[in-house]
Amino acid sequence: MADMPGAVLFACNYNAVRSPMAEGLMKSLYGHSIFIDSVGVRPTGDANPFMIEVMAEIGIDMSGHRPKTFDDIDDGAESFDLVVTMSPEAQHRAVELTRYAALDVEYWMTFDPAAIEGNRDMILDAFRGVRDHIRQRIGERFPPTSLSAI
């Protein structure tokens, strides 16, 4: 874990789907050994119920997640070593932060499953696909001793 960042922030547009999925998956791997949080660029009401459902399918309870923005971070972005962005808007906002904060920014292009229309099964499949994509990216970028945790 010597080359692991001490604090990681995941960011997307609303902090209702992609970035909370990443936060939950990362916390399931590293718990309290790395500080992990997530934000959105713009405020929104609640976490997406489909996100909560597909995370529960793999044993991660996201029902308590409350979306927040970059402005809601207690200590500001300066307290993070790495910001992983999952949308072009979040990437732009994170790059702006590097003007005054010494942090690294990585862009993980991640489809927004909230854009999917169709029946419940189609929507859930889209959310599962994004969840699994994020899980794979986390496993590649932050290799755990065992992926069985997620």
Protein backbone atom coordinates (compact mmCIF):
# COMPACT_ATOMS: atom_id res chain seq x y z
CA MET A 1 0.00 0.00 0.00
CA ALA A 2 3.04 2.28 0.01
CA ASP A 3 2.26 3.60 -3.49
CA MET A 4 -1.45 4.06 -2.78
CA PRO A 5 -2.84 7.56 -2.35
CA GLY A 6 -3.90 8.51 1.15
CA ALA A 7 -7.14 10.16 0.01
CA VAL A 8 -9.17 9.60 -3.17
CA LEU A 9 -12.12 11.65 -4.40
CA PHE A 10 -14.44 10.29 -7.09
CA ALA A 11 -16.42 12.86 -9.07
CA CYS A 12 -19.20 12.87 -11.66
CA ASN A 13 -22.05 15.21 -12.60
CA TYR A 14 -24.52 14.80 -9.71
CA ASN A 15 -22.98 12.36 -7.21
CA ALA A 16 -26.05 10.18 -7.55
CA VAL A 17 -24.81 7.19 -9.62
CA ARG A 18 -21.22 6.80 -10.85
CA SER A 19 -19.10 8.48 -8.18
CA PRO A 20 -21.03 6.96 -5.25
CA MET A 21 -20.68 3.54 -6.88
CA ALA A 22 -16.92 4.08 -7.03
CA GLU A 23 -16.85 5.34 -3.44
CA GLY A 24 -18.77 2.30 -2.20
CA LEU A 25 -16.65 -0.17 -4.16
CA MET A 26 -13.39 1.43 -3.03
CA LYS A 27 -14.50 1.54 0.61
CA SER A 28 -15.42 -2.14 0.41
CA LEU A 29 -11.80 -2.84 -0.53
CA TYR A 30 -9.88 -0.43 1.65
CA GLY A 31 -12.27 0.59 4.42
CA HIS A 32 -10.47 3.10 6.59
CA SER A 33 -6.92 2.59 5.30
CA ILE A 34 -7.54 5.19 2.55
CA PHE A 35 -9.85 8.19 2.91
CA ILE A 36 -12.46 7.93 0.15
CA ASP A 37 -15.24 10.32 -0.77
CA SER A 38 -17.33 11.32 -3.78
CA VAL A 39 -18.91 14.48 -5.16
CA GLY A 40 -20.76 15.89 -8.11
CA VAL A 41 -20.38 19.08 -10.09
CA ARG A 42 -24.02 20.12 -9.60
CA PRO A 43 -26.41 19.52 -6.70
CA THR A 44 -29.23 17.01 -6.94
CA GLY A 45 -31.84 15.61 -4.60
CA ASP A 46 -31.26 11.97 -3.77
CA ALA A 47 -29.10 9.05 -4.75
CA ASN A 48 -30.47 7.10 -7.69
CA PRO A 49 -32.55 4.13 -6.46
CA PHE A 50 -31.22 1.89 -9.25
CA MET A 51 -27.66 2.63 -8.07
CA ILE A 52 -28.66 1.65 -4.54
CA GLU A 53 -30.26 -1.56 -5.81
CA VAL A 54 -27.35 -2.79 -7.94
CA MET A 55 -24.85 -2.02 -5.19
CA ALA A 56 -26.99 -3.97 -2.70
CA GLU A 57 -26.83 -6.94 -5.10
CA ILE A 58 -23.11 -7.20 -4.32
CA GLY A 59 -23.48 -6.53 -0.61
CA ILE A 60 -22.71 -2.79 -0.52
CA ASP A 61 -25.32 -0.66 1.24
CA MET A 62 -25.56 2.77 -0.39
CA SER A 63 -28.99 3.62 1.03
CA GLY A 64 -27.47 6.25 3.31
CA HIS A 65 -25.65 8.08 0.52
CA ARG A 66 -26.53 11.76 0.25
CA PRO A 67 -25.26 13.50 -2.90
CA LYS A 68 -22.92 16.44 -2.42
CA THR A 69 -20.89 18.80 -4.58
CA PHE A 70 -17.27 19.93 -4.63
CA ASP A 71 -18.35 22.90 -2.51
CA ASP A 72 -19.66 20.57 0.21
CA ILE A 73 -16.29 18.91 0.92
CA ASP A 74 -15.35 19.72 4.52
CA ASP A 75 -11.64 20.33 4.04
CA GLY A 76 -11.81 21.21 0.35
CA ALA A 77 -10.18 19.36 -2.50
CA GLU A 78 -6.73 20.19 -1.10
CA SER A 79 -7.11 17.29 1.32
CA PHE A 80 -7.11 14.73 -1.52
CA ASP A 81 -4.13 13.19 -3.27
CA LEU A 82 -6.12 11.99 -6.27
CA VAL A 83 -9.38 13.00 -7.93
CA VAL A 84 -10.85 10.40 -10.28
CA THR A 85 -13.38 12.01 -12.60
CA MET A 86 -16.07 10.10 -14.44
CA SER A 87 -17.60 12.80 -16.66
CA PRO A 88 -16.22 15.63 -18.80
CA GLU A 89 -17.81 18.22 -16.50
CA ALA A 90 -16.19 16.69 -13.43
CA GLN A 91 -12.86 16.52 -15.26
CA HIS A 92 -13.03 20.22 -16.05
CA ARG A 93 -13.84 21.09 -12.43
CA ALA A 94 -11.05 18.87 -11.06
CA VAL A 95 -8.47 20.35 -13.42
CA GLU A 96 -9.46 23.81 -12.16
CA LEU A 97 -8.62 22.61 -8.63
CA THR A 98 -5.04 21.86 -9.64
CA ARG A 99 -4.43 25.59 -9.96
CA TYR A 100 -4.30 25.88 -6.17
CA ALA A 101 -4.12 22.32 -4.86
CA ALA A 102 -1.35 19.76 -5.29
CA LEU A 103 -3.41 16.80 -6.42
CA ASP A 104 -3.45 14.37 -9.29
CA VAL A 105 -6.45 14.05 -11.59
CA GLU A 106 -7.38 10.97 -13.61
CA TYR A 107 -10.25 10.78 -16.08
CA TRP A 108 -12.15 7.50 -16.27
CA MET A 109 -14.69 7.85 -19.08
CA THR A 110 -17.78 6.25 -17.56
CA PHE A 111 -21.19 5.99 -19.20
CA ASP A 112 -24.11 7.48 -17.24
CA PRO A 113 -26.71 4.70 -16.94
CA ALA A 114 -29.33 7.22 -15.78
CA ALA A 115 -29.65 8.15 -19.47
CA ILE A 116 -31.05 4.71 -20.33
CA GLU A 117 -34.73 4.45 -21.12
CA GLY A 118 -36.63 1.20 -21.21
CA ASN A 119 -38.13 -1.33 -18.89
CA ARG A 120 -36.83 -2.00 -15.39
CA ASP A 121 -34.67 -4.96 -16.46
CA MET A 122 -32.98 -2.92 -19.20
CA ILE A 123 -32.24 -0.09 -16.81
CA LEU A 124 -30.89 -2.42 -14.12
CA ASP A 125 -28.67 -4.14 -16.68
CA ALA A 126 -27.22 -0.76 -17.67
CA PHE A 127 -26.53 0.10 -14.02
CA ARG A 128 -24.93 -3.30 -13.44
CA GLY A 129 -22.71 -2.79 -16.48
CA VAL A 130 -21.49 0.55 -15.14
CA ARG A 131 -20.99 -0.89 -11.66
CA ASP A 132 -18.92 -3.74 -13.08
CA HIS A 133 -16.92 -1.35 -15.30
CA ILE A 134 -16.07 0.80 -12.27
CA ARG A 135 -15.20 -2.29 -10.23
CA GLN A 136 -12.79 -3.41 -12.96
CA ARG A 137 -11.17 0.05 -13.19
CA ILE A 138 -10.70 0.18 -9.41
CA GLY A 139 -9.18 -3.30 -9.43
CA GLU A 140 -6.73 -2.28 -12.15
CA ARG A 141 -5.80 1.10 -10.66
CA PHE A 142 -5.80 0.13 -6.98
CA PRO A 143 -4.94 -3.57 -7.02
CA PRO A 144 -6.10 -5.20 -3.81
CA THR A 145 -4.59 -8.31 -2.35
CA SER A 146 -7.82 -10.06 -3.29
CA LEU A 147 -10.66 -8.94 -5.53
CA SER A 148 -13.00 -11.24 -3.65
CA ALA A 149 -13.92 -8.28 -1.44
CA ILE A 150 -15.95 -6.70 -4.26
